[in-house]
Structure formats: C-alpha cells, structure tokens
Amino acid sequence: MELLNTFALVALIISALTIIVLVLMQHGKGADMGAAFGSGSSGSLFGATGSANFLSRATALAAVVFFSMLMLISYLHVASTGKLGVMDSAVENVAPQIPGGATKDQNSGKVIPE
C-alpha cells in the first residue's frame, strides 16, 4: 500500500511539472515561450497546426494523470485511516457550550442567566 502511495505521489509531481511546461510552451495571443521554441513556425516538426494539437492533447493527458493520481491518493488515505477528513474527529469531541455570563444549576442541569 505504501509503495502505491509513493508511486502516486511521484506521478502527481511529474504530471504537475509537465502541465506547467506544456502550458508555457503553447502558443498564445502575444509573444510567449511557445514562440521561443518554434511552435509558431510552419516548418516545425509537427507542421503548421500540428504542434498546437500535440501540445493540447499532451496537456489534456497530463491533466487526466494529475487528477487520477489525486483521486488515488485520497482513496488510499481513506482506506488506510478510515476517516474522510479532518472534521471526523472534531464532531466526536464537541463540548457543550454555556453562554457567557451564565451559570449551570448543579441540581437541575439548566442554564441560569445572570
């Protein structure tokens, strides 16, 4: 279980970095990093519009991997701890509250305002 969690965390980090790089490489409206890598030229490896399609598909694939790893990590956390979140323990430890300035009658247990 720990090995799968480690694999998912490494894949999550790699996919996040991949998304960052691919988004920066895509051709935008103005001068961006995509122009520096030649994505605007028609004589590139992917053709005139091929790099835009390739970068868009690669970004979508990296996003699918990213969100899949997030869901896997959250599933592994719930499976190992049995708790859905930080509020599970907070609900169990709730203490009864008495309004400020009020006292509690020891005999009847009712709150007496001052």
PDB file of N, CA and C in Angstrom:
ATOM      1  N   MET A   1       0.837  -1.191   0.000  1.00  0.00           N
ATOM      2  CA  MET A   1       0.000   0.000   0.000  1.00  0.00           C
ATOM      3  C   MET A   1       0.878   1.250   0.000  1.00  0.00           C
ATOM      4  N   GLU A   2       1.967   1.206   0.773  1.00  0.00           N
ATOM      5  CA  GLU A   2       2.875   2.360   0.845  1.00  0.00           C
ATOM      6  C   GLU A   2       3.588   2.585  -0.491  1.00  0.00           C
ATOM      7  N   LEU A   3       3.904   1.499  -1.186  1.00  0.00           N
ATOM      8  CA  LEU A   3       4.567   1.613  -2.487  1.00  0.00           C
ATOM      9  C   LEU A   3       3.642   2.270  -3.515  1.00  0.00           C
ATOM     10  N   LEU A   4       2.372   1.908  -3.493  1.00  0.00           N
ATOM     11  CA  LEU A   4       1.412   2.508  -4.402  1.00  0.00           C
ATOM     12  C   LEU A   4       1.211   3.993  -4.099  1.00  0.00           C
ATOM     13  N   ASN A   5       1.206   4.334  -2.819  1.00  0.00           N
ATOM     14  CA  ASN A   5       1.079   5.737  -2.422  1.00  0.00           C
ATOM     15  C   ASN A   5       2.292   6.545  -2.893  1.00  0.00           C
ATOM     16  N   THR A   6       3.473   5.981  -2.762  1.00  0.00           N
ATOM     17  CA  THR A   6       4.698   6.662  -3.218  1.00  0.00           C
ATOM     18  C   THR A   6       4.684   6.838  -4.734  1.00  0.00           C
ATOM     19  N   PHE A   7       4.267   5.790  -5.455  1.00  0.00           N
ATOM     20  CA  PHE A   7       4.175   5.886  -6.913  1.00  0.00           C
ATOM     21  C   PHE A   7       3.197   6.982  -7.329  1.00  0.00           C
ATOM     22  N   ALA A   8       2.043   7.039  -6.662  1.00  0.00           N
ATOM     23  CA  ALA A   8       1.035   8.040  -7.000  1.00  0.00           C
ATOM     24  C   ALA A   8       1.542   9.447  -6.716  1.00  0.00           C
ATOM     25  N   LEU A   9       2.275   9.615  -5.629  1.00  0.00           N
ATOM     26  CA  LEU A   9       2.813  10.937  -5.296  1.00  0.00           C
ATOM     27  C   LEU A   9       3.865  11.380  -6.307  1.00  0.00           C
ATOM     28  N   VAL A  10       4.733  10.483  -6.720  1.00  0.00           N
ATOM     29  CA  VAL A  10       5.753  10.818  -7.727  1.00  0.00           C
ATOM     30  C   VAL A  10       5.089  11.144  -9.064  1.00  0.00           C
ATOM     31  N   ALA A  11       4.104  10.341  -9.460  1.00  0.00           N
ATOM     32  CA  ALA A  11       3.387  10.607 -10.715  1.00  0.00           C
ATOM     33  C   ALA A  11       2.637  11.938 -10.649  1.00  0.00           C
ATOM     34  N   LEU A  12       2.109  12.276  -9.481  1.00  0.00           N
ATOM     35  CA  LEU A  12       1.410  13.554  -9.300  1.00  0.00           C
ATOM     36  C   LEU A  12       2.365  14.724  -9.503  1.00  0.00           C
ATOM     37  N   ILE A  13       3.539  14.658  -8.922  1.00  0.00           N
ATOM     38  CA  ILE A  13       4.516  15.744  -9.045  1.00  0.00           C
ATOM     39  C   ILE A  13       5.009  15.871 -10.485  1.00  0.00           C
ATOM     40  N   ILE A  14       5.290  14.736 -11.128  1.00  0.00           N
ATOM     41  CA  ILE A  14       5.767  14.776 -12.508  1.00  0.00           C
ATOM     42  C   ILE A  14       4.685  15.327 -13.437  1.00  0.00           C
ATOM     43  N   SER A  15       3.439  14.913 -13.238  1.00  0.00           N
ATOM     44  CA  SER A  15       2.374  15.428 -14.103  1.00  0.00           C
ATOM     45  C   SER A  15       2.123  16.917 -13.867  1.00  0.00           C
ATOM     46  N   ALA A  16       2.277  17.384 -12.630  1.00  0.00           N
ATOM     47  CA  ALA A  16       2.114  18.812 -12.362  1.00  0.00           C
ATOM     48  C   ALA A  16       3.194  19.628 -13.065  1.00  0.00           C
ATOM     49  N   LEU A  17       4.430  19.159 -12.997  1.00  0.00           N
ATOM     50  CA  LEU A  17       5.519  19.859 -13.690  1.00  0.00           C
ATOM     51  C   LEU A  17       5.338  19.802 -15.207  1.00  0.00           C
ATOM     52  N   THR A  18       4.833  18.685 -15.699  1.00  0.00           N
ATOM     53  CA  THR A  18       4.579  18.543 -17.133  1.00  0.00           C
ATOM     54  C   THR A  18       3.502  19.523 -17.591  1.00  0.00           C
ATOM     55  N   ILE A  19       2.458  19.670 -16.809  1.00  0.00           N
ATOM     56  CA  ILE A  19       1.397  20.623 -17.156  1.00  0.00           C
ATOM     57  C   ILE A  19       1.949  22.040 -17.207  1.00  0.00           C
ATOM     58  N   ILE A  20       2.786  22.393 -16.251  1.00  0.00           N
ATOM     59  CA  ILE A  20       3.371  23.738 -16.222  1.00  0.00           C
ATOM     60  C   ILE A  20       4.185  23.992 -17.483  1.00  0.00           C
ATOM     61  N   VAL A  21       5.044  23.034 -17.844  1.00  0.00           N
ATOM     62  CA  VAL A  21       5.907  23.206 -19.019  1.00  0.00           C
ATOM     63  C   VAL A  21       5.072  23.263 -20.301  1.00  0.00           C
ATOM     64  N   LEU A  22       4.084  22.373 -20.415  1.00  0.00           N
ATOM     65  CA  LEU A  22       3.276  22.348 -21.635  1.00  0.00           C
ATOM     66  C   LEU A  22       2.424  23.595 -21.800  1.00  0.00           C
ATOM     67  N   VAL A  23       1.914  24.124 -20.725  1.00  0.00           N
ATOM     68  CA  VAL A  23       1.120  25.350 -20.821  1.00  0.00           C
ATOM     69  C   VAL A  23       2.011  26.523 -21.229  1.00  0.00           C
ATOM     70  N   LEU A  24       3.216  26.566 -20.699  1.00  0.00           N
ATOM     71  CA  LEU A  24       4.129  27.651 -21.081  1.00  0.00           C
ATOM     72  C   LEU A  24       4.587  27.538 -22.527  1.00  0.00           C
ATOM     73  N   MET A  25       4.636  26.334 -23.060  1.00  0.00           N
ATOM     74  CA  MET A  25       5.089  26.147 -24.438  1.00  0.00           C
ATOM     75  C   MET A  25       4.001  26.426 -25.468  1.00  0.00           C
ATOM     76  N   GLN A  26       2.752  26.439 -25.073  1.00  0.00           N
ATOM     77  CA  GLN A  26       1.675  26.625 -26.036  1.00  0.00           C
ATOM     78  C   GLN A  26       1.676  28.041 -26.579  1.00  0.00           C
ATOM     79  N   HIS A  27       1.233  28.145 -27.813  1.00  0.00           N
ATOM     80  CA  HIS A  27       1.213  29.430 -28.495  1.00  0.00           C
ATOM     81  C   HIS A  27       0.024  30.247 -28.001  1.00  0.00           C
ATOM     82  N   GLY A  28       0.306  31.466 -27.577  1.00  0.00           N
ATOM     83  CA  GLY A  28      -0.754  32.346 -27.090  1.00  0.00           C
ATOM     84  C   GLY A  28      -1.011  33.467 -28.067  1.00  0.00           C
ATOM     85  N   LYS A  29      -1.730  34.490 -27.616  1.00  0.00           N
ATOM     86  CA  LYS A  29      -2.053  35.616 -28.478  1.00  0.00           C
ATOM     87  C   LYS A  29      -0.857  36.536 -28.684  1.00  0.00           C
ATOM     88  N   GLY A  30      -0.041  36.696 -27.645  1.00  0.00           N
ATOM     89  CA  GLY A  30       1.114  37.574 -27.744  1.00  0.00           C
ATOM     90  C   GLY A  30       2.400  36.775 -27.840  1.00  0.00           C
ATOM     91  N   ALA A  31       3.488  37.457 -27.606  1.00  0.00           N
ATOM     92  CA  ALA A  31       4.781  36.779 -27.600  1.00  0.00           C
ATOM     93  C   ALA A  31       4.902  35.994 -26.306  1.00  0.00           C
ATOM     94  N   ASP A  32       5.109  34.690 -26.429  1.00  0.00           N
ATOM     95  CA  ASP A  32       5.198  33.843 -25.250  1.00  0.00           C
ATOM     96  C   ASP A  32       6.348  32.861 -25.421  1.00  0.00           C
ATOM     97  N   MET A  33       6.469  31.925 -24.508  1.00  0.00           N
ATOM     98  CA  MET A  33       7.562  30.969 -24.580  1.00  0.00           C
ATOM     99  C   MET A  33       7.378  29.999 -25.736  1.00  0.00           C
ATOM    100  N   GLY A  34       6.151  29.827 -26.209  1.00  0.00           N
ATOM    101  CA  GLY A  34       5.914  28.945 -27.346  1.00  0.00           C
ATOM    102  C   GLY A  34       6.638  29.424 -28.589  1.00  0.00           C
ATOM    103  N   ALA A  35       6.710  30.728 -28.775  1.00  0.00           N
ATOM    104  CA  ALA A  35       7.423  31.275 -29.933  1.00  0.00           C
ATOM    105  C   ALA A  35       8.920  31.027 -29.821  1.00  0.00           C
ATOM    106  N   ALA A  36       9.439  30.994 -28.623  1.00  0.00           N
ATOM    107  CA  ALA A  36      10.871  30.753 -28.440  1.00  0.00           C
ATOM    108  C   ALA A  36      11.246  29.327 -28.812  1.00  0.00           C
ATOM    109  N   PHE A  37      10.311  28.396 -28.659  1.00  0.00           N
ATOM    110  CA  PHE A  37      10.591  27.003 -29.006  1.00  0.00           C
ATOM    111  C   PHE A  37      10.161  26.657 -30.419  1.00  0.00           C
ATOM    112  N   GLY A  38       9.708  27.624 -31.180  1.00  0.00           N
ATOM    113  CA  GLY A  38       9.380  27.398 -32.574  1.00  0.00           C
ATOM    114  C   GLY A  38       8.002  26.862 -32.833  1.00  0.00           C
ATOM    115  N   SER A  39       7.079  27.035 -31.904  1.00  0.00           N
ATOM    116  CA  SER A  39       5.744  26.489 -32.135  1.00  0.00           C
ATOM    117  C   SER A  39       4.949  27.329 -33.126  1.00  0.00           C
ATOM    118  N   GLY A  40       5.407  28.507 -33.423  1.00  0.00           N
ATOM    119  CA  GLY A  40       4.683  29.351 -34.365  1.00  0.00           C
ATOM    120  C   GLY A  40       5.112  29.157 -35.802  1.00  0.00           C
ATOM    121  N   SER A  41       6.164  28.435 -36.061  1.00  0.00           N
ATOM    122  CA  SER A  41       6.663  28.292 -37.429  1.00  0.00           C
ATOM    123  C   SER A  41       5.981  27.120 -38.127  1.00  0.00           C
ATOM    124  N   SER A  42       5.752  27.278 -39.428  1.00  0.00           N
ATOM    125  CA  SER A  42       5.073  26.223 -40.185  1.00  0.00           C
ATOM    126  C   SER A  42       6.031  25.108 -40.577  1.00  0.00           C
ATOM    127  N   GLY A  43       7.308  25.337 -40.512  1.00  0.00           N
ATOM    128  CA  GLY A  43       8.274  24.315 -40.891  1.00  0.00           C
ATOM    129  C   GLY A  43       8.767  23.504 -39.716  1.00  0.00           C
ATOM    130  N   SER A  44       8.015  23.454 -38.658  1.00  0.00           N
ATOM    131  CA  SER A  44       8.451  22.724 -37.474  1.00  0.00           C
ATOM    132  C   SER A  44       8.220  21.226 -37.647  1.00  0.00           C
ATOM    133  N   LEU A  45       8.557  20.474 -36.666  1.00  0.00           N
ATOM    134  CA  LEU A  45       8.449  19.025 -36.707  1.00  0.00           C
ATOM    135  C   LEU A  45       7.007  18.559 -36.862  1.00  0.00           C
ATOM    136  N   PHE A  46       6.059  19.276 -36.252  1.00  0.00           N
ATOM    137  CA  PHE A  46       4.666  18.856 -36.268  1.00  0.00           C
ATOM    138  C   PHE A  46       3.850  19.544 -37.360  1.00  0.00           C
ATOM    139  N   GLY A  47       4.424  20.445 -38.144  1.00  0.00           N
ATOM    140  CA  GLY A  47       3.696  21.171 -39.181  1.00  0.00           C
ATOM    141  C   GLY A  47       3.122  22.474 -38.652  1.00  0.00           C
ATOM    142  N   ALA A  48       2.252  23.099 -39.440  1.00  0.00           N
ATOM    143  CA  ALA A  48       1.728  24.416 -39.089  1.00  0.00           C
ATOM    144  C   ALA A  48       0.817  24.360 -37.870  1.00  0.00           C
ATOM    145  N   THR A  49      -0.093  23.406 -37.818  1.00  0.00           N
ATOM    146  CA  THR A  49      -1.017  23.314 -36.679  1.00  0.00           C
ATOM    147  C   THR A  49      -0.774  22.067 -35.842  1.00  0.00           C
ATOM    148  N   GLY A  50       0.163  21.267 -36.228  1.00  0.00           N
ATOM    149  CA  GLY A  50       0.405  20.011 -35.515  1.00  0.00           C
ATOM    150  C   GLY A  50       0.911  20.202 -34.106  1.00  0.00           C
ATOM    151  N   SER A  51       1.741  21.211 -33.877  1.00  0.00           N
ATOM    152  CA  SER A  51       2.278  21.403 -32.532  1.00  0.00           C
ATOM    153  C   SER A  51       1.196  21.868 -31.573  1.00  0.00           C
ATOM    154  N   ALA A  52       0.250  22.667 -32.070  1.00  0.00           N
ATOM    155  CA  ALA A  52      -0.851  23.115 -31.209  1.00  0.00           C
ATOM    156  C   ALA A  52      -1.705  21.927 -30.797  1.00  0.00           C
ATOM    157  N   ASN A  53      -2.000  21.049 -31.748  1.00  0.00           N
ATOM    158  CA  ASN A  53      -2.793  19.864 -31.414  1.00  0.00           C
ATOM    159  C   ASN A  53      -2.023  18.935 -30.488  1.00  0.00           C
ATOM    160  N   PHE A  54      -0.747  18.737 -30.760  1.00  0.00           N
ATOM    161  CA  PHE A  54       0.059  17.858 -29.921  1.00  0.00           C
ATOM    162  C   PHE A  54       0.167  18.410 -28.505  1.00  0.00           C
ATOM    163  N   LEU A  55       0.436  19.710 -28.382  1.00  0.00           N
ATOM    164  CA  LEU A  55       0.569  20.298 -27.053  1.00  0.00           C
ATOM    165  C   LEU A  55      -0.754  20.280 -26.299  1.00  0.00           C
ATOM    166  N   SER A  56      -1.857  20.500 -27.002  1.00  0.00           N
ATOM    167  CA  SER A  56      -3.172  20.460 -26.358  1.00  0.00           C
ATOM    168  C   SER A  56      -3.498  19.061 -25.866  1.00  0.00           C
ATOM    169  N   ARG A  57      -3.230  18.072 -26.683  1.00  0.00           N
ATOM    170  CA  ARG A  57      -3.504  16.686 -26.281  1.00  0.00           C
ATOM    171  C   ARG A  57      -2.579  16.234 -25.167  1.00  0.00           C
ATOM    172  N   ALA A  58      -1.321  16.625 -25.239  1.00  0.00           N
ATOM    173  CA  ALA A  58      -0.379  16.256 -24.174  1.00  0.00           C
ATOM    174  C   ALA A  58      -0.761  16.926 -22.860  1.00  0.00           C
ATOM    175  N   THR A  59      -1.230  18.167 -22.919  1.00  0.00           N
ATOM    176  CA  THR A  59      -1.683  18.858 -21.706  1.00  0.00           C
ATOM    177  C   THR A  59      -2.920  18.181 -21.129  1.00  0.00           C
ATOM    178  N   ALA A  60      -3.836  17.788 -21.992  1.00  0.00           N
ATOM    179  CA  ALA A  60      -5.043  17.090 -21.526  1.00  0.00           C
ATOM    180  C   ALA A  60      -4.689  15.746 -20.892  1.00  0.00           C
ATOM    181  N   LEU A  61      -3.755  15.026 -21.499  1.00  0.00           N
ATOM    182  CA  LEU A  61      -3.326  13.742 -20.936  1.00  0.00           C
ATOM    183  C   LEU A  61      -2.654  13.940 -19.578  1.00  0.00           C
ATOM    184  N   ALA A  62      -1.814  14.957 -19.465  1.00  0.00           N
ATOM    185  CA  ALA A  62      -1.154  15.238 -18.184  1.00  0.00           C
ATOM    186  C   ALA A  62      -2.175  15.645 -17.121  1.00  0.00           C
ATOM    187  N   ALA A  63      -3.224  16.357 -17.526  1.00  0.00           N
ATOM    188  CA  ALA A  63      -4.274  16.746 -16.578  1.00  0.00           C
ATOM    189  C   ALA A  63      -5.061  15.526 -16.109  1.00  0.00           C
ATOM    190  N   VAL A  64      -5.332  14.590 -17.015  1.00  0.00           N
ATOM    191  CA  VAL A  64      -6.033  13.358 -16.637  1.00  0.00           C
ATOM    192  C   VAL A  64      -5.191  12.556 -15.652  1.00  0.00           C
ATOM    193  N   VAL A  65      -3.890  12.449 -15.914  1.00  0.00           N
ATOM    194  CA  VAL A  65      -2.996  11.738 -14.991  1.00  0.00           C
ATOM    195  C   VAL A  65      -2.955  12.453 -13.649  1.00  0.00           C
ATOM    196  N   PHE A  66      -2.889  13.780 -13.656  1.00  0.00           N
ATOM    197  CA  PHE A  66      -2.834  14.563 -12.423  1.00  0.00           C
ATOM    198  C   PHE A  66      -4.064  14.314 -11.552  1.00  0.00           C
ATOM    199  N   PHE A  67      -5.255  14.450 -12.131  1.00  0.00           N
ATOM    200  CA  PHE A  67      -6.476  14.276 -11.345  1.00  0.00           C
ATOM    201  C   PHE A  67      -6.701  12.824 -10.944  1.00  0.00           C
ATOM    202  N   SER A  68      -6.261  11.882 -11.784  1.00  0.00           N
ATOM    203  CA  SER A  68      -6.361  10.469 -11.413  1.00  0.00           C
ATOM    204  C   SER A  68      -5.483  10.158 -10.205  1.00  0.00           C
ATOM    205  N   MET A  69      -4.280  10.721 -10.189  1.00  0.00           N
ATOM    206  CA  MET A  69      -3.390  10.489  -9.052  1.00  0.00           C
ATOM    207  C   MET A  69      -3.925  11.152  -7.785  1.00  0.00           C
ATOM    208  N   LEU A  70      -4.559  12.314  -7.930  1.00  0.00           N
ATOM    209  CA  LEU A  70      -5.189  12.948  -6.764  1.00  0.00           C
ATOM    210  C   LEU A  70      -6.279  12.063  -6.177  1.00  0.00           C
ATOM    211  N   MET A  71      -7.113  11.497  -7.043  1.00  0.00           N
ATOM    212  CA  MET A  71      -8.183  10.624  -6.557  1.00  0.00           C
ATOM    213  C   MET A  71      -7.621   9.353  -5.939  1.00  0.00           C
ATOM    214  N   LEU A  72      -6.552   8.801  -6.517  1.00  0.00           N
ATOM    215  CA  LEU A  72      -5.938   7.600  -5.967  1.00  0.00           C
ATOM    216  C   LEU A  72      -5.330   7.869  -4.595  1.00  0.00           C
ATOM    217  N   ILE A  73      -4.659   9.006  -4.444  1.00  0.00           N
ATOM    218  CA  ILE A  73      -4.059   9.344  -3.149  1.00  0.00           C
ATOM    219  C   ILE A  73      -5.138   9.544  -2.093  1.00  0.00           C
ATOM    220  N   SER A  74      -6.237  10.203  -2.449  1.00  0.00           N
ATOM    221  CA  SER A  74      -7.310  10.397  -1.471  1.00  0.00           C
ATOM    222  C   SER A  74      -7.971   9.072  -1.120  1.00  0.00           C
ATOM    223  N   TYR A  75      -8.147   8.176  -2.086  1.00  0.00           N
ATOM    224  CA  TYR A  75      -8.710   6.855  -1.800  1.00  0.00           C
ATOM    225  C   TYR A  75      -7.796   6.056  -0.874  1.00  0.00           C
ATOM    226  N   LEU A  76      -6.503   6.086  -1.130  1.00  0.00           N
ATOM    227  CA  LEU A  76      -5.553   5.365  -0.277  1.00  0.00           C
ATOM    228  C   LEU A  76      -5.536   5.932   1.135  1.00  0.00           C
ATOM    229  N   HIS A  77      -5.707   7.236   1.265  1.00  0.00           N
ATOM    230  CA  HIS A  77      -5.736   7.852   2.594  1.00  0.00           C
ATOM    231  C   HIS A  77      -6.969   7.403   3.373  1.00  0.00           C
ATOM    232  N   VAL A  78      -8.125   7.402   2.716  1.00  0.00           N
ATOM    233  CA  VAL A  78      -9.355   6.979   3.385  1.00  0.00           C
ATOM    234  C   VAL A  78      -9.287   5.490   3.718  1.00  0.00           C
ATOM    235  N   ALA A  79      -8.716   4.687   2.817  1.00  0.00           N
ATOM    236  CA  ALA A  79      -8.631   3.252   3.055  1.00  0.00           C
ATOM    237  C   ALA A  79      -7.689   2.924   4.219  1.00  0.00           C
ATOM    238  N   SER A  80      -6.631   3.712   4.387  1.00  0.00           N
ATOM    239  CA  SER A  80      -5.665   3.413   5.452  1.00  0.00           C
ATOM    240  C   SER A  80      -6.091   3.971   6.807  1.00  0.00           C
ATOM    241  N   THR A  81      -6.755   5.130   6.837  1.00  0.00           N
ATOM    242  CA  THR A  81      -7.127   5.735   8.118  1.00  0.00           C
ATOM    243  C   THR A  81      -8.575   5.484   8.488  1.00  0.00           C
ATOM    244  N   GLY A  82      -9.441   5.281   7.523  1.00  0.00           N
ATOM    245  CA  GLY A  82     -10.856   5.099   7.794  1.00  0.00           C
ATOM    246  C   GLY A  82     -11.593   6.402   8.042  1.00  0.00           C
ATOM    247  N   LYS A  83     -10.923   7.521   7.936  1.00  0.00           N
ATOM    248  CA  LYS A  83     -11.545   8.828   8.152  1.00  0.00           C
ATOM    249  C   LYS A  83     -11.616   9.573   6.835  1.00  0.00           C
ATOM    250  N   LEU A  84     -12.714  10.289   6.652  1.00  0.00           N
ATOM    251  CA  LEU A  84     -12.909  11.029   5.410  1.00  0.00           C
ATOM    252  C   LEU A  84     -12.244  12.393   5.423  1.00  0.00           C
ATOM    253  N   GLY A  85     -11.970  12.942   6.579  1.00  0.00           N
ATOM    254  CA  GLY A  85     -11.348  14.259   6.624  1.00  0.00           C
ATOM    255  C   GLY A  85     -11.028  14.677   8.037  1.00  0.00           C
ATOM    256  N   VAL A  86     -10.665  15.932   8.197  1.00  0.00           N
ATOM    257  CA  VAL A  86     -10.267  16.447   9.499  1.00  0.00           C
ATOM    258  C   VAL A  86     -11.456  16.679  10.415  1.00  0.00           C
ATOM    259  N   MET A  87     -12.673  16.750   9.870  1.00  0.00           N
ATOM    260  CA  MET A  87     -13.846  17.029  10.689  1.00  0.00           C
ATOM    261  C   MET A  87     -14.402  15.785  11.384  1.00  0.00           C
ATOM    262  N   ASP A  88     -13.922  14.594  11.025  1.00  0.00           N
ATOM    263  CA  ASP A  88     -14.417  13.381  11.675  1.00  0.00           C
ATOM    264  C   ASP A  88     -14.127  13.380  13.160  1.00  0.00           C
ATOM    265  N   SER A  89     -12.926  13.749  13.553  1.00  0.00           N
ATOM    266  CA  SER A  89     -12.579  13.755  14.971  1.00  0.00           C
ATOM    267  C   SER A  89     -13.166  14.965  15.686  1.00  0.00           C
ATOM    268  N   ALA A  90     -13.429  16.054  14.967  1.00  0.00           N
ATOM    269  CA  ALA A  90     -13.963  17.255  15.598  1.00  0.00           C
ATOM    270  C   ALA A  90     -15.409  17.048  16.058  1.00  0.00           C
ATOM    271  N   VAL A  91     -16.170  16.262  15.341  1.00  0.00           N
ATOM    272  CA  VAL A  91     -17.562  16.032  15.706  1.00  0.00           C
ATOM    273  C   VAL A  91     -17.655  15.190  16.975  1.00  0.00           C
ATOM    274  N   GLU A  92     -16.735  14.270  17.178  1.00  0.00           N
ATOM    275  CA  GLU A  92     -16.753  13.408  18.351  1.00  0.00           C
ATOM    276  C   GLU A  92     -16.367  14.154  19.622  1.00  0.00           C
ATOM    277  N   ASN A  93     -15.576  15.183  19.536  1.00  0.00           N
ATOM    278  CA  ASN A  93     -15.030  15.869  20.698  1.00  0.00           C
ATOM    279  C   ASN A  93     -15.737  17.185  21.000  1.00  0.00           C
ATOM    280  N   VAL A  94     -17.002  17.312  20.660  1.00  0.00           N
ATOM    281  CA  VAL A  94     -17.726  18.562  20.877  1.00  0.00           C
ATOM    282  C   VAL A  94     -18.130  18.659  22.343  1.00  0.00           C
ATOM    283  N   ALA A  95     -17.783  19.781  22.971  1.00  0.00           N
ATOM    284  CA  ALA A  95     -18.154  20.024  24.367  1.00  0.00           C
ATOM    285  C   ALA A  95     -19.386  20.926  24.394  1.00  0.00           C
ATOM    286  N   PRO A  96     -20.304  20.723  25.357  1.00  0.00           N
ATOM    287  CA  PRO A  96     -21.461  21.607  25.437  1.00  0.00           C
ATOM    288  C   PRO A  96     -21.029  23.020  25.801  1.00  0.00           C
ATOM    289  N   GLN A  97     -21.654  23.998  25.164  1.00  0.00           N
ATOM    290  CA  GLN A  97     -21.276  25.390  25.359  1.00  0.00           C
ATOM    291  C   GLN A  97     -22.297  26.098  26.245  1.00  0.00           C
ATOM    292  N   ILE A  98     -21.799  26.913  27.178  1.00  0.00           N
ATOM    293  CA  ILE A  98     -22.647  27.734  28.036  1.00  0.00           C
ATOM    294  C   ILE A  98     -22.427  29.176  27.624  1.00  0.00           C
ATOM    295  N   PRO A  99     -23.509  29.940  27.401  1.00  0.00           N
ATOM    296  CA  PRO A  99     -23.347  31.339  27.003  1.00  0.00           C
ATOM    297  C   PRO A  99     -22.544  32.113  28.043  1.00  0.00           C
ATOM    298  N   GLY A 100     -21.834  33.147  27.595  1.00  0.00           N
ATOM    299  CA  GLY A 100     -21.015  33.954  28.501  1.00  0.00           C
ATOM    300  C   GLY A 100     -21.838  34.609  29.598  1.00  0.00           C
ATOM    301  N   GLY A 101     -21.380  34.536  30.837  1.00  0.00           N
ATOM    302  CA  GLY A 101     -22.059  35.151  31.964  1.00  0.00           C
ATOM    303  C   GLY A 101     -23.123  34.267  32.574  1.00  0.00           C
ATOM    304  N   ALA A 102     -23.389  33.090  32.021  1.00  0.00           N
ATOM    305  CA  ALA A 102     -24.414  32.217  32.571  1.00  0.00           C
ATOM    306  C   ALA A 102     -23.757  31.129  33.408  1.00  0.00           C
ATOM    307  N   THR A 103     -24.523  30.614  34.351  1.00  0.00           N
ATOM    308  CA  THR A 103     -24.039  29.513  35.176  1.00  0.00           C
ATOM    309  C   THR A 103     -24.991  28.340  35.031  1.00  0.00           C
ATOM    310  N   LYS A 104     -24.508  27.160  35.363  1.00  0.00           N
ATOM    311  CA  LYS A 104     -25.310  25.962  35.240  1.00  0.00           C
ATOM    312  C   LYS A 104     -25.741  25.503  36.631  1.00  0.00           C
ATOM    313  N   ASP A 105     -27.046  25.287  36.824  1.00  0.00           N
ATOM    314  CA  ASP A 105     -27.568  24.814  38.091  1.00  0.00           C
ATOM    315  C   ASP A 105     -27.140  23.359  38.283  1.00  0.00           C
ATOM    316  N   GLN A 106     -26.510  23.063  39.404  1.00  0.00           N
ATOM    317  CA  GLN A 106     -25.982  21.731  39.666  1.00  0.00           C
ATOM    318  C   GLN A 106     -27.091  20.702  39.875  1.00  0.00           C
ATOM    319  N   ASN A 107     -28.247  21.127  40.416  1.00  0.00           N
ATOM    320  CA  ASN A 107     -29.323  20.183  40.718  1.00  0.00           C
ATOM    321  C   ASN A 107     -30.140  19.817  39.483  1.00  0.00           C
ATOM    322  N   SER A 108     -30.556  20.821  38.716  1.00  0.00           N
ATOM    323  CA  SER A 108     -31.441  20.546  37.584  1.00  0.00           C
ATOM    324  C   SER A 108     -30.689  20.447  36.263  1.00  0.00           C
ATOM    325  N   GLY A 109     -29.475  21.000  36.169  1.00  0.00           N
ATOM    326  CA  GLY A 109     -28.706  20.986  34.933  1.00  0.00           C
ATOM    327  C   GLY A 109     -29.108  22.042  33.964  1.00  0.00           C
ATOM    328  N   LYS A 110     -30.009  22.983  34.380  1.00  0.00           N
ATOM    329  CA  LYS A 110     -30.449  24.047  33.489  1.00  0.00           C
ATOM    330  C   LYS A 110     -29.503  25.240  33.576  1.00  0.00           C
ATOM    331  N   VAL A 111     -29.409  25.985  32.476  1.00  0.00           N
ATOM    332  CA  VAL A 111     -28.566  27.181  32.422  1.00  0.00           C
ATOM    333  C   VAL A 111     -29.340  28.344  32.991  1.00  0.00           C
ATOM    334  N   ILE A 112     -28.724  29.050  33.958  1.00  0.00           N
ATOM    335  CA  ILE A 112     -29.351  30.187  34.615  1.00  0.00           C
ATOM    336  C   ILE A 112     -28.627  31.453  34.164  1.00  0.00           C
ATOM    337  N   PRO A 113     -29.321  32.362  33.439  1.00  0.00           N
ATOM    338  CA  PRO A 113     -28.655  33.614  33.031  1.00  0.00           C
ATOM    339  C   PRO A 113     -28.502  34.541  34.219  1.00  0.00           C
ATOM    340  N   GLU A 114     -27.465  35.363  34.173  1.00  0.00           N
ATOM    341  CA  GLU A 114     -27.211  36.288  35.294  1.00  0.00           C
ATOM    342  C   GLU A 114     -27.901  37.605  35.091  1.00  0.00           C
TER     343      GLU A 114
END
